[in-house]
Every structure is written in structure tokens, then in C-alpha cells.
């Protein structure tokens, strides 16, 4: 599969899978390594990574705010 073909599939809303077939659970579907299953797994991982990034940034901001509020120890 060339990059051009891959880009065409990513932008084509008809090719986006809606999820696993009724007879398969999501992990079993991803394990089939079909193009649709792998594309769905990549999107799911991307969403999870954004949540981890947002949570980390929020935790860092709260930590900095608390450190500034209470000042230096000692």
C-alpha cells in the first residue's frame, strides 16, 4: 500500500470502520490484523494518547499552582 493510497483511505468517510463485527470482541478483531481493524486500533490509541497528554498537563498545572500558592518550604 503506497502513501497515496493510505491517505485516500484515511480521508474517505465510507472506508472508516464502525467497529468490530457482531461476532467478535474488539481485541479479537484487532488481532485479525485486517486494514480496517488496524485503522480502528490506531484511532483508539490516538484518542487514549490525547487523554494521557491532557491529564498530564492538567496535573502539572495543578502542581505548579499549589507550589506557587504555598511558597517555598522551610
N, C-alpha and C. Protein backbone atom coordinates (compact mmCIF):
# COMPACT_ATOMS: atom_id res chain seq x y z
N UNK A 1 0.85 -1.18 0.00
CA UNK A 1 0.00 0.00 0.00
C UNK A 1 0.90 1.24 0.00
N UNK A 2 0.70 2.11 -0.95
CA UNK A 2 1.50 3.33 -1.03
C UNK A 2 0.92 4.39 -0.11
N UNK A 3 1.72 5.44 0.11
CA UNK A 3 1.25 6.53 0.96
C UNK A 3 0.03 7.21 0.35
N UNK A 4 0.02 7.32 -0.99
CA UNK A 4 -1.12 7.97 -1.65
C UNK A 4 -2.40 7.18 -1.41
N UNK A 5 -2.31 5.86 -1.51
CA UNK A 5 -3.48 5.01 -1.27
C UNK A 5 -3.92 5.13 0.17
N UNK A 6 -2.95 5.11 1.09
CA UNK A 6 -3.27 5.21 2.52
C UNK A 6 -3.96 6.53 2.83
N UNK A 7 -3.47 7.62 2.27
CA UNK A 7 -4.08 8.93 2.52
C UNK A 7 -5.48 8.98 1.96
N UNK A 8 -5.69 8.37 0.80
CA UNK A 8 -7.03 8.37 0.22
C UNK A 8 -8.01 7.60 1.11
N UNK A 9 -7.57 6.51 1.70
CA UNK A 9 -8.44 5.74 2.58
C UNK A 9 -8.74 6.49 3.87
N UNK A 10 -7.75 7.19 4.40
CA UNK A 10 -7.95 7.91 5.66
C UNK A 10 -8.97 9.03 5.51
N UNK A 11 -9.00 9.67 4.34
CA UNK A 11 -9.91 10.80 4.17
C UNK A 11 -11.28 10.36 3.67
N UNK A 12 -11.43 9.12 3.27
CA UNK A 12 -12.68 8.61 2.74
C UNK A 12 -13.58 8.15 3.88
N UNK A 13 -14.68 8.87 4.15
CA UNK A 13 -15.53 8.51 5.29
C UNK A 13 -16.22 7.15 5.13
N UNK A 14 -16.38 6.67 3.91
CA UNK A 14 -17.03 5.39 3.69
C UNK A 14 -16.14 4.25 4.17
N UNK A 15 -14.82 4.39 4.10
CA UNK A 15 -13.88 3.34 4.45
C UNK A 15 -13.65 3.24 5.95
N UNK A 16 -14.08 4.18 6.73
CA UNK A 16 -13.84 4.13 8.17
C UNK A 16 -14.70 3.05 8.81
N UNK A 17 -14.08 2.14 9.54
CA UNK A 17 -14.87 1.07 10.15
C UNK A 17 -15.69 1.58 11.33
N UNK A 18 -16.86 1.01 11.49
CA UNK A 18 -17.73 1.40 12.59
C UNK A 18 -17.41 0.63 13.85
N UNK A 19 -16.59 -0.39 13.75
CA UNK A 19 -16.24 -1.22 14.89
C UNK A 19 -16.20 -2.67 14.47
N UNK A 20 -15.98 -3.53 15.42
CA UNK A 20 -15.87 -4.95 15.10
C UNK A 20 -17.21 -5.53 14.66
N UNK A 21 -17.16 -6.60 13.87
CA UNK A 21 -18.41 -7.30 13.54
C UNK A 21 -19.07 -7.84 14.81
N UNK A 22 -20.33 -8.17 14.72
CA UNK A 22 -21.08 -8.61 15.90
C UNK A 22 -20.51 -9.86 16.55
N UNK A 23 -19.87 -10.72 15.78
CA UNK A 23 -19.39 -11.99 16.34
C UNK A 23 -18.00 -11.89 16.96
N UNK A 24 -17.36 -10.71 16.94
CA UNK A 24 -16.01 -10.55 17.50
C UNK A 24 -15.98 -9.43 18.54
N UNK A 25 -15.21 -9.64 19.59
CA UNK A 25 -14.93 -8.58 20.55
C UNK A 25 -13.84 -7.69 19.95
N UNK A 26 -13.67 -6.48 20.45
CA UNK A 26 -12.70 -5.55 19.88
C UNK A 26 -11.27 -6.10 19.88
N UNK A 27 -10.74 -6.66 20.98
CA UNK A 27 -9.37 -7.19 20.92
C UNK A 27 -9.20 -8.33 19.91
N UNK A 28 -10.22 -9.17 19.79
CA UNK A 28 -10.15 -10.25 18.81
C UNK A 28 -10.15 -9.70 17.39
N UNK A 29 -10.92 -8.65 17.17
CA UNK A 29 -10.99 -8.04 15.84
C UNK A 29 -9.65 -7.41 15.49
N UNK A 30 -9.04 -6.68 16.45
CA UNK A 30 -7.75 -6.07 16.19
C UNK A 30 -6.70 -7.13 15.89
N UNK A 31 -6.81 -8.29 16.53
CA UNK A 31 -5.84 -9.36 16.34
C UNK A 31 -5.91 -9.97 14.94
N UNK A 32 -6.98 -9.69 14.19
CA UNK A 32 -7.07 -10.21 12.83
C UNK A 32 -6.09 -9.50 11.90
N UNK A 33 -5.61 -8.33 12.29
CA UNK A 33 -4.65 -7.53 11.52
C UNK A 33 -5.18 -7.11 10.15
N UNK A 34 -6.49 -7.03 10.02
CA UNK A 34 -7.05 -6.50 8.76
C UNK A 34 -6.83 -4.99 8.73
N UNK A 35 -6.87 -4.42 7.54
CA UNK A 35 -6.64 -2.98 7.40
C UNK A 35 -7.64 -2.17 8.22
N UNK A 36 -8.92 -2.55 8.17
CA UNK A 36 -9.94 -1.82 8.92
C UNK A 36 -9.72 -1.93 10.43
N UNK A 37 -9.36 -3.12 10.88
CA UNK A 37 -9.13 -3.32 12.31
C UNK A 37 -7.93 -2.52 12.79
N UNK A 38 -6.86 -2.53 12.02
CA UNK A 38 -5.67 -1.78 12.42
C UNK A 38 -5.92 -0.28 12.39
N UNK A 39 -6.69 0.19 11.41
CA UNK A 39 -7.02 1.61 11.34
C UNK A 39 -7.83 2.01 12.57
N UNK A 40 -8.78 1.16 12.96
CA UNK A 40 -9.59 1.44 14.14
C UNK A 40 -8.74 1.44 15.41
N UNK A 41 -7.80 0.50 15.51
CA UNK A 41 -6.92 0.45 16.67
C UNK A 41 -6.05 1.70 16.75
N UNK A 42 -5.55 2.15 15.61
CA UNK A 42 -4.72 3.36 15.59
C UNK A 42 -5.51 4.57 16.07
N UNK A 43 -6.77 4.69 15.62
CA UNK A 43 -7.60 5.81 16.08
C UNK A 43 -7.87 5.72 17.57
N UNK A 44 -8.13 4.52 18.07
CA UNK A 44 -8.40 4.34 19.51
C UNK A 44 -7.15 4.69 20.32
N UNK A 45 -5.99 4.27 19.86
CA UNK A 45 -4.75 4.59 20.56
C UNK A 45 -4.49 6.09 20.55
N UNK A 46 -4.79 6.74 19.44
CA UNK A 46 -4.59 8.19 19.33
C UNK A 46 -5.46 8.91 20.35
N UNK A 47 -6.71 8.47 20.48
CA UNK A 47 -7.61 9.09 21.47
C UNK A 47 -7.08 8.89 22.88
N UNK A 48 -6.61 7.69 23.17
CA UNK A 48 -6.08 7.41 24.51
C UNK A 48 -4.83 8.25 24.80
N UNK A 49 -3.98 8.41 23.80
CA UNK A 49 -2.77 9.21 24.00
C UNK A 49 -3.12 10.67 24.28
N UNK A 50 -4.14 11.20 23.62
CA UNK A 50 -4.54 12.58 23.88
C UNK A 50 -5.06 12.74 25.30
N UNK A 51 -5.81 11.74 25.80
CA UNK A 51 -6.30 11.80 27.17
C UNK A 51 -5.15 11.78 28.17
N UNK A 52 -4.15 10.95 27.92
CA UNK A 52 -2.99 10.89 28.81
C UNK A 52 -2.25 12.21 28.79
N UNK A 53 -2.07 12.80 27.61
CA UNK A 53 -1.39 14.08 27.49
C UNK A 53 -2.16 15.18 28.23
N UNK A 54 -3.46 15.24 28.02
CA UNK A 54 -4.27 16.27 28.68
C UNK A 54 -4.26 16.10 30.19
N UNK A 55 -4.35 14.88 30.67
CA UNK A 55 -4.32 14.62 32.11
C UNK A 55 -2.98 15.00 32.70
N UNK A 56 -1.90 14.67 32.00
CA UNK A 56 -0.56 15.03 32.48
C UNK A 56 -0.36 16.53 32.56
N UNK A 57 -0.82 17.24 31.54
CA UNK A 57 -0.70 18.71 31.56
C UNK A 57 -1.54 19.33 32.67
N UNK A 58 -2.73 18.79 32.88
CA UNK A 58 -3.58 19.29 33.96
C UNK A 58 -2.94 19.04 35.32
N UNK A 59 -2.38 17.85 35.52
CA UNK A 59 -1.72 17.53 36.79
C UNK A 59 -0.51 18.43 37.01
N UNK A 60 0.23 18.71 35.95
CA UNK A 60 1.39 19.59 36.07
C UNK A 60 0.95 21.01 36.43
N UNK A 61 -0.11 21.50 35.81
CA UNK A 61 -0.60 22.84 36.11
C UNK A 61 -1.09 22.94 37.55
N UNK A 62 -1.78 21.92 38.03
CA UNK A 62 -2.24 21.93 39.42
C UNK A 62 -1.06 21.91 40.38
N UNK A 63 -0.05 21.11 40.08
CA UNK A 63 1.14 21.04 40.93
C UNK A 63 1.85 22.39 41.00
N UNK A 64 2.03 23.03 39.86
CA UNK A 64 2.68 24.35 39.83
C UNK A 64 1.85 25.36 40.61
N UNK A 65 0.53 25.34 40.43
CA UNK A 65 -0.33 26.28 41.15
C UNK A 65 -0.23 26.07 42.66
N UNK A 66 -0.22 24.83 43.10
CA UNK A 66 -0.10 24.56 44.54
C UNK A 66 1.26 24.97 45.08
N UNK A 67 2.32 24.74 44.32
CA UNK A 67 3.65 25.15 44.76
C UNK A 67 3.76 26.67 44.87
N UNK A 68 3.15 27.37 43.92
CA UNK A 68 3.17 28.83 43.97
C UNK A 68 2.32 29.36 45.12
N UNK A 69 1.21 28.69 45.42
CA UNK A 69 0.32 29.13 46.47
C UNK A 69 0.99 29.00 47.84
N UNK A 70 1.59 27.83 48.11
CA UNK A 70 2.18 27.60 49.42
C UNK A 70 3.60 28.14 49.55
N UNK A 71 4.20 28.53 48.48
CA UNK A 71 5.55 29.09 48.54
C UNK A 71 6.62 28.06 48.79
N UNK A 72 7.80 28.55 49.08
CA UNK A 72 8.93 27.67 49.32
C UNK A 72 8.82 27.00 50.68
N UNK A 73 9.23 25.74 50.77
CA UNK A 73 9.23 25.08 52.07
C UNK A 73 10.36 25.62 52.95
N UNK A 74 10.15 25.56 54.20
CA UNK A 74 11.25 25.92 55.08
C UNK A 74 10.99 27.03 55.94
